PDB file of N, CA and C in Angstrom:
ATOM      1  N   MET A   1     -17.107 -14.853  -0.342  1.00  0.00           N
ATOM      2  CA  MET A   1     -16.465 -13.980   0.805  1.00  0.00           C
ATOM      3  C   MET A   1     -17.100 -14.202   2.070  1.00  0.00           C
ATOM      4  N   LYS A   2     -18.365 -14.355   1.960  1.00  0.00           N
ATOM      5  CA  LYS A   2     -19.163 -14.619   3.265  1.00  0.00           C
ATOM      6  C   LYS A   2     -18.662 -15.908   4.016  1.00  0.00           C
ATOM      7  N   TYR A   3     -18.478 -17.046   3.150  1.00  0.00           N
ATOM      8  CA  TYR A   3     -17.982 -18.105   3.611  1.00  0.00           C
ATOM      9  C   TYR A   3     -16.515 -18.219   4.234  1.00  0.00           C
ATOM     10  N   LEU A   4     -15.592 -17.441   3.463  1.00  0.00           N
ATOM     11  CA  LEU A   4     -14.492 -17.252   4.044  1.00  0.00           C
ATOM     12  C   LEU A   4     -14.276 -16.473   5.393  1.00  0.00           C
ATOM     13  N   THR A   5     -15.213 -15.498   5.541  1.00  0.00           N
ATOM     14  CA  THR A   5     -15.190 -14.834   6.813  1.00  0.00           C
ATOM     15  C   THR A   5     -15.670 -15.764   7.978  1.00  0.00           C
ATOM     16  N   ILE A   6     -16.616 -16.525   7.598  1.00  0.00           N
ATOM     17  CA  ILE A   6     -17.183 -17.554   8.694  1.00  0.00           C
ATOM     18  C   ILE A   6     -16.008 -18.577   8.908  1.00  0.00           C
ATOM     19  N   ALA A   7     -15.347 -19.060   7.959  1.00  0.00           N
ATOM     20  CA  ALA A   7     -14.252 -20.049   8.233  1.00  0.00           C
ATOM     21  C   ALA A   7     -13.064 -19.256   9.032  1.00  0.00           C
ATOM     22  N   LEU A   8     -12.789 -18.098   8.688  1.00  0.00           N
ATOM     23  CA  LEU A   8     -11.779 -17.658   9.428  1.00  0.00           C
ATOM     24  C   LEU A   8     -12.084 -17.260  10.802  1.00  0.00           C
ATOM     25  N   SER A   9     -13.550 -16.876  11.216  1.00  0.00           N
ATOM     26  CA  SER A   9     -13.958 -16.721  12.557  1.00  0.00           C
ATOM     27  C   SER A   9     -13.858 -18.083  13.300  1.00  0.00           C
ATOM     28  N   LEU A  10     -14.302 -19.092  12.635  1.00  0.00           N
ATOM     29  CA  LEU A  10     -14.307 -20.506  13.389  1.00  0.00           C
ATOM     30  C   LEU A  10     -12.733 -20.908  13.643  1.00  0.00           C
ATOM     31  N   ALA A  11     -11.889 -20.571  12.610  1.00  0.00           N
ATOM     32  CA  ALA A  11     -10.424 -21.002  12.884  1.00  0.00           C
ATOM     33  C   ALA A  11      -9.881 -20.079  14.151  1.00  0.00           C
ATOM     34  N   ALA A  12     -10.265 -18.798  14.226  1.00  0.00           N
ATOM     35  CA  ALA A  12      -9.687 -17.916  15.243  1.00  0.00           C
ATOM     36  C   ALA A  12     -10.432 -18.367  16.562  1.00  0.00           C
ATOM     37  N   MET A  13     -11.531 -18.814  16.682  1.00  0.00           N
ATOM     38  CA  MET A  13     -12.221 -19.229  17.849  1.00  0.00           C
ATOM     39  C   MET A  13     -11.427 -20.581  18.386  1.00  0.00           C
ATOM     40  N   THR A  14     -11.014 -21.518  17.499  1.00  0.00           N
ATOM     41  CA  THR A  14     -10.375 -22.657  17.780  1.00  0.00           C
ATOM     42  C   THR A  14      -8.996 -22.352  18.260  1.00  0.00           C
ATOM     43  N   LEU A  15      -8.404 -21.475  17.528  1.00  0.00           N
ATOM     44  CA  LEU A  15      -7.008 -21.112  18.071  1.00  0.00           C
ATOM     45  C   LEU A  15      -7.082 -20.314  19.299  1.00  0.00           C
ATOM     46  N   ALA A  16      -8.078 -19.759  19.565  1.00  0.00           N
ATOM     47  CA  ALA A  16      -8.133 -19.017  20.756  1.00  0.00           C
ATOM     48  C   ALA A  16      -8.270 -19.907  22.037  1.00  0.00           C
ATOM     49  N   GLN A  17      -8.660 -21.000  21.970  1.00  0.00           N
ATOM     50  CA  GLN A  17      -8.955 -21.996  22.962  1.00  0.00           C
ATOM     51  C   GLN A  17      -7.571 -22.273  23.555  1.00  0.00           C
ATOM     52  N   THR A  18      -7.586 -22.318  24.985  1.00  0.00           N
ATOM     53  CA  THR A  18      -6.389 -22.706  25.700  1.00  0.00           C
ATOM     54  C   THR A  18      -6.439 -24.204  25.686  1.00  0.00           C
ATOM     55  N   PRO A  19      -5.176 -24.690  25.973  1.00  0.00           N
ATOM     56  CA  PRO A  19      -5.023 -26.165  25.941  1.00  0.00           C
ATOM     57  C   PRO A  19      -5.930 -26.859  27.135  1.00  0.00           C
ATOM     58  N   ALA A  20      -6.289 -26.166  28.216  1.00  0.00           N
ATOM     59  CA  ALA A  20      -7.001 -26.567  29.166  1.00  0.00           C
ATOM     60  C   ALA A  20      -8.456 -26.787  28.700  1.00  0.00           C
ATOM     61  N   ALA A  21      -8.848 -25.716  27.917  1.00  0.00           N
ATOM     62  CA  ALA A  21     -10.428 -25.601  27.396  1.00  0.00           C
ATOM     63  C   ALA A  21     -10.364 -26.784  26.286  1.00  0.00           C
ATOM     64  N   MET A  22      -9.278 -27.013  25.385  1.00  0.00           N
ATOM     65  CA  MET A  22      -9.351 -28.029  24.420  1.00  0.00           C
ATOM     66  C   MET A  22      -9.374 -29.442  25.286  1.00  0.00           C
ATOM     67  N   ALA A  23      -8.752 -29.609  26.263  1.00  0.00           N
ATOM     68  CA  ALA A  23      -8.768 -30.821  27.085  1.00  0.00           C
ATOM     69  C   ALA A  23     -10.085 -31.089  27.622  1.00  0.00           C
ATOM     70  N   GLN A  24     -10.742 -29.996  28.138  1.00  0.00           N
ATOM     71  CA  GLN A  24     -11.940 -30.167  28.746  1.00  0.00           C
ATOM     72  C   GLN A  24     -13.065 -30.443  27.680  1.00  0.00           C
ATOM     73  N   ASP A  25     -12.889 -29.907  26.382  1.00  0.00           N
ATOM     74  CA  ASP A  25     -13.762 -30.320  25.434  1.00  0.00           C
ATOM     75  C   ASP A  25     -13.758 -31.814  24.952  1.00  0.00           C
ATOM     76  N   ALA A  26     -12.347 -32.091  24.863  1.00  0.00           N
ATOM     77  CA  ALA A  26     -12.112 -33.616  24.530  1.00  0.00           C
ATOM     78  C   ALA A  26     -12.666 -34.518  25.572  1.00  0.00           C
ATOM     79  N   SER A  27     -12.531 -34.182  26.827  1.00  0.00           N
ATOM     80  CA  SER A  27     -13.083 -35.080  27.960  1.00  0.00           C
ATOM     81  C   SER A  27     -14.584 -35.186  27.831  1.00  0.00           C
ATOM     82  N   ALA A  28     -15.196 -33.862  27.545  1.00  0.00           N
ATOM     83  CA  ALA A  28     -16.720 -34.030  27.679  1.00  0.00           C
ATOM     84  C   ALA A  28     -17.083 -34.909  26.301  1.00  0.00           C
ATOM     85  N   LYS A  29     -16.476 -34.736  25.154  1.00  0.00           N
ATOM     86  CA  LYS A  29     -16.825 -35.588  24.075  1.00  0.00           C
ATOM     87  C   LYS A  29     -16.549 -37.123  24.326  1.00  0.00           C
ATOM     88  N   ALA A  30     -15.519 -37.350  25.032  1.00  0.00           N
ATOM     89  CA  ALA A  30     -15.188 -38.773  25.329  1.00  0.00           C
ATOM     90  C   ALA A  30     -16.315 -39.335  26.242  1.00  0.00           C
ATOM     91  N   GLN A  31     -16.715 -38.454  27.357  1.00  0.00           N
ATOM     92  CA  GLN A  31     -17.711 -39.051  28.331  1.00  0.00           C
ATOM     93  C   GLN A  31     -19.020 -39.281  27.493  1.00  0.00           C
ATOM     94  N   GLU A  32     -19.339 -38.307  26.458  1.00  0.00           N
ATOM     95  CA  GLU A  32     -20.521 -38.547  25.815  1.00  0.00           C
ATOM     96  C   GLU A  32     -20.493 -39.780  25.010  1.00  0.00           C
ATOM     97  N   MET A  33     -19.312 -39.999  24.300  1.00  0.00           N
ATOM     98  CA  MET A  33     -19.232 -41.277  23.460  1.00  0.00           C
ATOM     99  C   MET A  33     -19.259 -42.556  24.299  1.00  0.00           C
ATOM    100  N   PHE A  34     -18.781 -42.390  25.544  1.00  0.00           N
ATOM    101  CA  PHE A  34     -18.794 -43.511  26.468  1.00  0.00           C
ATOM    102  C   PHE A  34     -20.213 -43.851  26.920  1.00  0.00           C
ATOM    103  N   ALA A  35     -21.021 -42.783  27.314  1.00  0.00           N
ATOM    104  CA  ALA A  35     -22.404 -42.815  27.794  1.00  0.00           C
ATOM    105  C   ALA A  35     -23.151 -43.385  26.496  1.00  0.00           C
ATOM    106  N   LYS A  36     -22.981 -42.966  25.320  1.00  0.00           N
ATOM    107  CA  LYS A  36     -23.763 -43.521  24.284  1.00  0.00           C
ATOM    108  C   LYS A  36     -23.614 -45.072  23.934  1.00  0.00           C
ATOM    109  N   ALA A  37     -21.996 -45.475  24.173  1.00  0.00           N
ATOM    110  CA  ALA A  37     -21.867 -46.788  23.909  1.00  0.00           C
ATOM    111  C   ALA A  37     -22.344 -47.784  25.072  1.00  0.00           C
ATOM    112  N   ASP A  38     -22.472 -47.223  26.191  1.00  0.00           N
ATOM    113  CA  ASP A  38     -22.890 -48.032  27.430  1.00  0.00           C
ATOM    114  C   ASP A  38     -24.347 -48.198  27.391  1.00  0.00           C
ATOM    115  N   THR A  39     -24.886 -49.013  26.560  1.00  0.00           N
ATOM    116  CA  THR A  39     -26.354 -49.183  26.394  1.00  0.00           C
ATOM    117  C   THR A  39     -27.044 -49.673  27.536  1.00  0.00           C
ATOM    118  N   ASN A  40     -26.501 -50.425  28.381  1.00  0.00           N
ATOM    119  CA  ASN A  40     -27.132 -50.931  29.525  1.00  0.00           C
ATOM    120  C   ASN A  40     -26.930 -50.017  30.800  1.00  0.00           C
ATOM    121  N   GLN A  41     -26.160 -48.935  30.527  1.00  0.00           N
ATOM    122  CA  GLN A  41     -25.978 -47.804  31.521  1.00  0.00           C
ATOM    123  C   GLN A  41     -25.624 -48.397  32.876  1.00  0.00           C
ATOM    124  N   ASP A  42     -24.437 -49.355  32.897  1.00  0.00           N
ATOM    125  CA  ASP A  42     -23.901 -49.917  34.029  1.00  0.00           C
ATOM    126  C   ASP A  42     -22.558 -49.283  34.513  1.00  0.00           C
ATOM    127  N   GLY A  43     -22.193 -48.291  33.611  1.00  0.00           N
ATOM    128  CA  GLY A  43     -20.989 -47.476  33.876  1.00  0.00           C
ATOM    129  C   GLY A  43     -19.689 -48.208  33.411  1.00  0.00           C
ATOM    130  N   ALA A  44     -19.870 -49.204  32.568  1.00  0.00           N
ATOM    131  CA  ALA A  44     -18.683 -49.879  31.927  1.00  0.00           C
ATOM    132  C   ALA A  44     -19.189 -50.451  30.641  1.00  0.00           C
ATOM    133  N   LEU A  45     -18.236 -50.658  29.784  1.00  0.00           N
ATOM    134  CA  LEU A  45     -18.379 -51.310  28.492  1.00  0.00           C
ATOM    135  C   LEU A  45     -18.213 -52.710  28.451  1.00  0.00           C
ATOM    136  N   SER A  46     -19.213 -53.551  28.079  1.00  0.00           N
ATOM    137  CA  SER A  46     -18.826 -54.912  27.896  1.00  0.00           C
ATOM    138  C   SER A  46     -18.214 -55.151  26.431  1.00  0.00           C
ATOM    139  N   LEU A  47     -17.760 -56.304  26.220  1.00  0.00           N
ATOM    140  CA  LEU A  47     -17.002 -56.512  24.787  1.00  0.00           C
ATOM    141  C   LEU A  47     -18.078 -56.346  23.738  1.00  0.00           C
ATOM    142  N   GLU A  48     -19.425 -56.778  24.058  1.00  0.00           N
ATOM    143  CA  GLU A  48     -20.453 -56.643  23.051  1.00  0.00           C
ATOM    144  C   GLU A  48     -20.692 -55.033  22.796  1.00  0.00           C
ATOM    145  N   GLU A  49     -20.700 -54.316  23.844  1.00  0.00           N
ATOM    146  CA  GLU A  49     -20.955 -52.922  23.742  1.00  0.00           C
ATOM    147  C   GLU A  49     -19.804 -52.379  22.985  1.00  0.00           C
ATOM    148  N   TRP A  50     -18.496 -52.632  23.394  1.00  0.00           N
ATOM    149  CA  TRP A  50     -17.373 -52.132  22.615  1.00  0.00           C
ATOM    150  C   TRP A  50     -17.351 -52.441  21.160  1.00  0.00           C
ATOM    151  N   LYS A  51     -17.712 -53.682  20.899  1.00  0.00           N
ATOM    152  CA  LYS A  51     -17.773 -53.959  19.399  1.00  0.00           C
ATOM    153  C   LYS A  51     -18.909 -53.255  18.637  1.00  0.00           C
ATOM    154  N   ALA A  52     -20.004 -53.127  19.392  1.00  0.00           N
ATOM    155  CA  ALA A  52     -21.157 -52.373  18.769  1.00  0.00           C
ATOM    156  C   ALA A  52     -20.840 -50.951  18.506  1.00  0.00           C
ATOM    157  N   ALA A  53     -19.980 -50.363  19.222  1.00  0.00           N
ATOM    158  CA  ALA A  53     -19.548 -49.005  19.077  1.00  0.00           C
ATOM    159  C   ALA A  53     -18.411 -48.945  17.841  1.00  0.00           C
ATOM    160  N   GLY A  54     -18.168 -50.032  17.244  1.00  0.00           N
ATOM    161  CA  GLY A  54     -17.190 -49.982  16.117  1.00  0.00           C
ATOM    162  C   GLY A  54     -15.822 -50.283  16.568  1.00  0.00           C
ATOM    163  N   ARG A  55     -15.527 -50.791  17.630  1.00  0.00           N
ATOM    164  CA  ARG A  55     -14.147 -51.143  18.148  1.00  0.00           C
ATOM    165  C   ARG A  55     -13.690 -52.474  18.035  1.00  0.00           C
ATOM    166  N   ARG A  56     -12.334 -52.616  17.962  1.00  0.00           N
ATOM    167  CA  ARG A  56     -11.992 -54.045  17.745  1.00  0.00           C
ATOM    168  C   ARG A  56     -11.812 -54.777  19.015  1.00  0.00           C
ATOM    169  N   ASP A  57     -11.797 -56.103  19.100  1.00  0.00           N
ATOM    170  CA  ASP A  57     -11.515 -56.925  20.234  1.00  0.00           C
ATOM    171  C   ASP A  57     -10.203 -56.640  20.853  1.00  0.00           C
ATOM    172  N   ARG A  58      -9.209 -56.621  20.020  1.00  0.00           N
ATOM    173  CA  ARG A  58      -7.784 -56.371  20.316  1.00  0.00           C
ATOM    174  C   ARG A  58      -7.563 -55.132  21.394  1.00  0.00           C
ATOM    175  N   GLY A  59      -8.225 -54.018  21.073  1.00  0.00           N
ATOM    176  CA  GLY A  59      -8.244 -52.885  21.877  1.00  0.00           C
ATOM    177  C   GLY A  59      -8.905 -53.073  23.249  1.00  0.00           C
ATOM    178  N   PHE A  60      -9.986 -53.785  23.058  1.00  0.00           N
ATOM    179  CA  PHE A  60     -10.672 -54.157  24.373  1.00  0.00           C
ATOM    180  C   PHE A  60      -9.871 -54.875  25.334  1.00  0.00           C
ATOM    181  N   ALA A  61      -9.069 -55.844  24.926  1.00  0.00           N
ATOM    182  CA  ALA A  61      -8.199 -56.693  25.666  1.00  0.00           C
ATOM    183  C   ALA A  61      -7.139 -55.950  26.280  1.00  0.00           C
ATOM    184  N   MET A  62      -6.637 -54.996  25.491  1.00  0.00           N
ATOM    185  CA  MET A  62      -5.528 -54.205  25.999  1.00  0.00           C
ATOM    186  C   MET A  62      -5.868 -53.247  26.995  1.00  0.00           C
ATOM    187  N   ILE A  63      -7.181 -52.577  26.926  1.00  0.00           N
ATOM    188  CA  ILE A  63      -7.642 -51.652  27.870  1.00  0.00           C
ATOM    189  C   ILE A  63      -8.111 -52.159  29.118  1.00  0.00           C
ATOM    190  N   ASP A  64      -8.762 -53.358  29.067  1.00  0.00           N
ATOM    191  CA  ASP A  64      -9.261 -53.971  30.323  1.00  0.00           C
ATOM    192  C   ASP A  64      -8.186 -54.456  31.293  1.00  0.00           C
ATOM    193  N   ALA A  65      -7.736 -53.467  32.010  1.00  0.00           N
ATOM    194  CA  ALA A  65      -6.443 -53.743  32.853  1.00  0.00           C
ATOM    195  C   ALA A  65      -6.785 -54.800  33.862  1.00  0.00           C
ATOM    196  N   ASP A  66      -7.822 -54.860  34.516  1.00  0.00           N
ATOM    197  CA  ASP A  66      -7.932 -55.964  35.419  1.00  0.00           C
ATOM    198  C   ASP A  66      -8.721 -57.231  34.877  1.00  0.00           C
ATOM    199  N   HIS A  67      -8.898 -57.168  33.596  1.00  0.00           N
ATOM    200  CA  HIS A  67      -9.381 -58.492  32.896  1.00  0.00           C
ATOM    201  C   HIS A  67     -10.511 -59.019  33.565  1.00  0.00           C
ATOM    202  N   ASP A  68     -11.631 -58.115  33.781  1.00  0.00           N
ATOM    203  CA  ASP A  68     -12.787 -58.556  34.324  1.00  0.00           C
ATOM    204  C   ASP A  68     -14.049 -58.530  33.401  1.00  0.00           C
ATOM    205  N   GLY A  69     -13.635 -58.344  32.018  1.00  0.00           N
ATOM    206  CA  GLY A  69     -14.506 -58.363  30.996  1.00  0.00           C
ATOM    207  C   GLY A  69     -15.391 -57.041  30.719  1.00  0.00           C
ATOM    208  N   LYS A  70     -14.761 -56.017  31.344  1.00  0.00           N
ATOM    209  CA  LYS A  70     -15.527 -54.570  31.199  1.00  0.00           C
ATOM    210  C   LYS A  70     -14.499 -53.541  31.140  1.00  0.00           C
ATOM    211  N   VAL A  71     -14.729 -52.583  30.421  1.00  0.00           N
ATOM    212  CA  VAL A  71     -13.810 -51.495  30.271  1.00  0.00           C
ATOM    213  C   VAL A  71     -14.577 -50.206  30.949  1.00  0.00           C
ATOM    214  N   THR A  72     -13.836 -49.698  31.958  1.00  0.00           N
ATOM    215  CA  THR A  72     -14.389 -48.498  32.766  1.00  0.00           C
ATOM    216  C   THR A  72     -13.712 -47.314  32.257  1.00  0.00           C
ATOM    217  N   PRO A  73     -14.394 -46.080  32.675  1.00  0.00           N
ATOM    218  CA  PRO A  73     -13.771 -44.849  32.259  1.00  0.00           C
ATOM    219  C   PRO A  73     -12.342 -44.661  32.799  1.00  0.00           C
ATOM    220  N   ASP A  74     -12.109 -45.218  33.998  1.00  0.00           N
ATOM    221  CA  ASP A  74     -10.930 -45.093  34.473  1.00  0.00           C
ATOM    222  C   ASP A  74      -9.880 -45.884  33.811  1.00  0.00           C
ATOM    223  N   GLU A  75     -10.202 -47.118  33.226  1.00  0.00           N
ATOM    224  CA  GLU A  75      -9.303 -47.831  32.403  1.00  0.00           C
ATOM    225  C   GLU A  75      -8.963 -47.192  30.963  1.00  0.00           C
ATOM    226  N   LEU A  76     -10.019 -46.439  30.586  1.00  0.00           N
ATOM    227  CA  LEU A  76      -9.870 -45.821  29.221  1.00  0.00           C
ATOM    228  C   LEU A  76      -8.883 -44.606  29.424  1.00  0.00           C
ATOM    229  N   ARG A  77      -9.136 -43.899  30.631  1.00  0.00           N
ATOM    230  CA  ARG A  77      -8.094 -42.802  30.976  1.00  0.00           C
ATOM    231  C   ARG A  77      -6.661 -43.236  31.198  1.00  0.00           C
ATOM    232  N   ALA A  78      -6.476 -44.317  31.828  1.00  0.00           N
ATOM    233  CA  ALA A  78      -5.275 -44.960  32.128  1.00  0.00           C
ATOM    234  C   ALA A  78      -4.604 -45.349  30.722  1.00  0.00           C
ATOM    235  N   ALA A  79      -5.277 -45.929  29.816  1.00  0.00           N
ATOM    236  CA  ALA A  79      -4.621 -46.245  28.606  1.00  0.00           C
ATOM    237  C   ALA A  79      -4.284 -45.071  27.750  1.00  0.00           C
ATOM    238  N   ALA A  80      -5.294 -44.116  27.780  1.00  0.00           N
ATOM    239  CA  ALA A  80      -4.942 -42.922  27.059  1.00  0.00           C
ATOM    240  C   ALA A  80      -3.536 -42.250  27.622  1.00  0.00           C
ATOM    241  N   ALA A  81      -3.449 -42.269  28.911  1.00  0.00           N
ATOM    242  CA  ALA A  81      -2.285 -41.581  29.483  1.00  0.00           C
ATOM    243  C   ALA A  81      -0.970 -42.407  29.020  1.00  0.00           C
ATOM    244  N   LYS A  82      -1.209 -43.574  29.136  1.00  0.00           N
ATOM    245  CA  LYS A  82      -0.073 -44.392  28.634  1.00  0.00           C
ATOM    246  C   LYS A  82       0.448 -44.176  27.286  1.00  0.00           C
ATOM    247  N   ARG A  83      -0.582 -43.872  26.387  1.00  0.00           N
ATOM    248  CA  ARG A  83      -0.224 -43.646  25.025  1.00  0.00           C
ATOM    249  C   ARG A  83       0.142 -42.137  24.877  1.00  0.00           C
ATOM    250  N   GLY A  84      -0.030 -41.323  25.927  1.00  0.00           N
ATOM    251  CA  GLY A  84       0.364 -39.948  25.700  1.00  0.00           C
ATOM    252  C   GLY A  84      -0.727 -38.984  25.305  1.00  0.00           C
ATOM    253  N   LYS A  85      -1.876 -39.552  25.473  1.00  0.00           N
ATOM    254  CA  LYS A  85      -2.943 -38.540  24.992  1.00  0.00           C
ATOM    255  C   LYS A  85      -3.824 -38.065  26.129  1.00  0.00           C
TER     256      LYS A  85
END
């Protein structure tokens, strides 16, 4: 019963979040994941960093809009907006 109460409390907290709060949470998580993958901390992901983070070459090529061999947070946001996320 105790676990059910905890589960229901967590579910209620999740449902109580506004769409803006959920988007902010997602944005913070995305920034954290990007920072972790950006091992040389230059503000962009090289193909090597991208692959080391478990991503495929094809995705890198699609997101690297200016074809400079780096994926920036702006390029990731643009790609996500294109996909409707």
